Amino acid sequence: MPDFLKMTLDKFTFRVAADRLYTSAGVWARAEGNRIRIGLSDFLQQRSGDVAFVEVRPVGTQAVMDEEIATIETIKVNISLASPVSGKVIEVNPILQAAPETINQDPYGSGWLALVEAGQWETERERLLSPQAYFQQMKTAAEEQ
């Protein structure tokens, strides 16, 4: 279980897992050797609403950093999610087909989106935000809403 940076605003508590990196849009990336597991941050999933449908690029797809790897549909919005890393999609979370709400229930655990075999992780990771930097960005965005 990762450690979390936490912030409470009104009745909402937002958590940022400290064991991964983030895009400014709120997609996380956690290295597992040369494989990178990706998913949505707690803030992004709460802000977007209840996930009703998820479509992740299929296994074998070449993911490109900053290009669409998945889309989610909620009652409130449809969101295109950009990949935090380039590489080959080697696994898509099978739970999400039947239970897309898993993203809302456990965004840092069983609600992950895909596993990507990274081609340029050492270089691309430098373009991502540390947990602390993402936390500060999230805090500012939450307070402005």
Protein backbone atom coordinates (compact mmCIF):
# COMPACT_ATOMS: atom_id res chain seq x y z
CA MET A 1 0.00 0.00 0.00
CA PRO A 2 1.55 3.32 -1.04
CA ASP A 3 1.93 6.36 1.19
CA PHE A 4 -0.34 9.26 0.28
CA LEU A 5 -0.17 13.02 0.26
CA LYS A 6 -3.66 14.12 1.33
CA MET A 7 -5.74 17.27 1.11
CA THR A 8 -9.27 17.86 2.37
CA LEU A 9 -11.39 20.63 0.89
CA ASP A 10 -14.97 20.99 2.06
CA LYS A 11 -16.31 17.42 2.14
CA PHE A 12 -13.76 16.03 -0.34
CA THR A 13 -10.44 14.36 0.43
CA PHE A 14 -7.96 14.02 -2.41
CA ARG A 15 -5.04 11.59 -2.25
CA VAL A 16 -1.84 11.51 -4.29
CA ALA A 17 0.06 8.21 -4.16
CA ALA A 18 3.71 8.92 -3.37
CA ASP A 19 5.10 5.89 -5.25
CA ARG A 20 4.49 7.05 -8.83
CA LEU A 21 4.86 9.96 -11.26
CA TYR A 22 2.11 12.07 -12.82
CA THR A 23 1.17 14.01 -15.93
CA SER A 24 -0.21 17.49 -15.37
CA ALA A 25 -3.58 16.12 -16.53
CA GLY A 26 -3.66 13.59 -13.68
CA VAL A 27 -2.61 10.31 -15.29
CA TRP A 28 -0.17 8.35 -13.11
CA ALA A 29 2.73 6.09 -14.10
CA ARG A 30 4.36 3.54 -11.80
CA ALA A 31 7.47 1.66 -12.94
CA GLU A 32 7.56 -2.12 -12.52
CA GLY A 33 10.96 -2.79 -14.04
CA ASN A 34 10.75 -1.68 -17.69
CA ARG A 35 6.96 -2.01 -17.57
CA ILE A 36 4.89 1.00 -16.60
CA ARG A 37 1.43 0.63 -15.05
CA ILE A 38 -0.81 3.64 -15.70
CA GLY A 39 -4.08 4.95 -14.29
CA LEU A 40 -6.05 8.02 -13.16
CA SER A 41 -5.25 10.08 -10.10
CA ASP A 42 -7.77 10.28 -7.29
CA PHE A 43 -8.33 13.97 -8.05
CA LEU A 44 -9.01 13.34 -11.75
CA GLN A 45 -11.48 10.52 -11.08
CA GLN A 46 -13.34 12.52 -8.40
CA ARG A 47 -13.48 15.65 -10.54
CA SER A 48 -14.75 13.68 -13.55
CA GLY A 49 -17.59 11.84 -11.78
CA ASP A 50 -18.74 8.24 -11.80
CA VAL A 51 -17.05 6.30 -14.60
CA ALA A 52 -19.63 4.58 -16.80
CA PHE A 53 -17.42 3.38 -19.66
CA VAL A 54 -13.70 2.94 -20.31
CA GLU A 55 -11.94 2.23 -23.59
CA VAL A 56 -8.21 1.51 -23.49
CA ARG A 57 -6.10 0.96 -26.59
CA PRO A 58 -5.79 -2.81 -27.15
CA VAL A 59 -2.82 -5.02 -26.36
CA GLY A 60 -0.17 -4.65 -29.06
CA THR A 61 -0.86 -0.95 -29.67
CA GLN A 62 2.15 1.36 -29.74
CA ALA A 63 1.52 4.01 -27.11
CA VAL A 64 3.12 7.41 -27.66
CA MET A 65 3.77 9.81 -24.80
CA ASP A 66 1.22 12.67 -24.77
CA GLU A 67 -1.07 10.90 -27.27
CA GLU A 68 -4.39 9.24 -26.45
CA ILE A 69 -4.19 5.84 -24.79
CA ALA A 70 -7.69 5.67 -23.31
CA THR A 71 -11.04 7.42 -23.05
CA ILE A 72 -13.46 7.44 -20.16
CA GLU A 73 -17.11 8.42 -20.12
CA THR A 74 -18.83 9.66 -17.01
CA ILE A 75 -22.22 11.20 -16.38
CA LYS A 76 -20.52 14.61 -16.48
CA VAL A 77 -17.82 14.38 -19.16
CA ASN A 78 -16.00 12.37 -21.80
CA ILE A 79 -12.22 12.50 -21.33
CA SER A 80 -9.37 11.57 -23.62
CA LEU A 81 -6.39 10.38 -21.57
CA ALA A 82 -2.87 10.89 -22.89
CA SER A 83 -0.23 8.27 -22.23
CA PRO A 84 2.48 9.25 -19.74
CA VAL A 85 4.96 6.97 -21.53
CA SER A 86 5.81 5.55 -24.97
CA GLY A 87 5.90 1.83 -25.58
CA LYS A 88 3.83 -1.23 -26.38
CA VAL A 89 0.56 -1.90 -24.53
CA ILE A 90 1.08 -5.40 -23.12
CA GLU A 91 -1.92 -5.63 -20.79
CA VAL A 92 -5.26 -3.88 -20.38
CA ASN A 93 -7.08 -4.09 -17.06
CA PRO A 94 -9.75 -6.78 -17.67
CA ILE A 95 -11.87 -5.63 -14.70
CA LEU A 96 -12.78 -2.35 -16.37
CA GLN A 97 -14.89 -3.93 -19.13
CA ALA A 98 -17.52 -5.17 -16.67
CA ALA A 99 -16.83 -2.79 -13.77
CA PRO A 100 -15.57 0.63 -14.97
CA GLU A 101 -16.53 2.11 -11.59
CA THR A 102 -13.45 0.35 -10.18
CA ILE A 103 -11.55 3.48 -11.27
CA ASN A 104 -13.64 5.51 -8.80
CA GLN A 105 -13.41 2.91 -6.04
CA ASP A 106 -9.66 2.21 -6.21
CA PRO A 107 -7.83 4.54 -8.64
CA TYR A 108 -4.35 3.62 -7.35
CA GLY A 109 -4.99 -0.11 -7.05
CA SER A 110 -7.39 -2.32 -8.98
CA GLY A 111 -8.63 0.64 -11.08
CA TRP A 112 -5.45 0.85 -13.21
CA LEU A 113 -5.83 1.20 -17.00
CA ALA A 114 -2.94 -0.49 -18.79
CA LEU A 115 0.55 -1.91 -18.54
CA VAL A 116 3.01 -0.55 -21.11
CA GLU A 117 6.41 -1.99 -21.98
CA ALA A 118 8.39 1.23 -22.02
CA GLY A 119 10.85 2.07 -24.74
CA GLN A 120 12.23 5.36 -23.41
CA TRP A 121 11.29 5.44 -19.72
CA GLU A 122 14.59 6.87 -18.47
CA THR A 123 14.18 9.88 -20.75
CA GLU A 124 10.41 10.29 -20.58
CA ARG A 125 10.16 10.05 -16.80
CA GLU A 126 11.99 13.38 -16.58
CA ARG A 127 8.97 15.04 -18.23
CA LEU A 128 6.55 13.81 -15.54
CA LEU A 129 5.69 15.42 -12.22
CA SER A 130 6.88 14.12 -8.86
CA PRO A 131 4.11 13.29 -6.36
CA GLN A 132 4.87 16.53 -4.50
CA ALA A 133 4.73 18.66 -7.66
CA TYR A 134 1.46 17.04 -8.77
CA PHE A 135 0.04 17.50 -5.25
CA GLN A 136 0.77 21.24 -5.38
CA GLN A 137 -0.81 21.53 -8.85
CA MET A 138 -3.86 19.55 -7.69
CA LYS A 139 -4.18 21.64 -4.52
CA THR A 140 -4.19 24.86 -6.55
CA ALA A 141 -6.77 23.49 -9.01
CA ALA A 142 -9.03 22.19 -6.20
CA GLU A 143 -8.95 25.51 -4.36
CA GLU A 144 -9.84 27.43 -7.54
CA GLN A 145 -12.98 25.36 -8.16
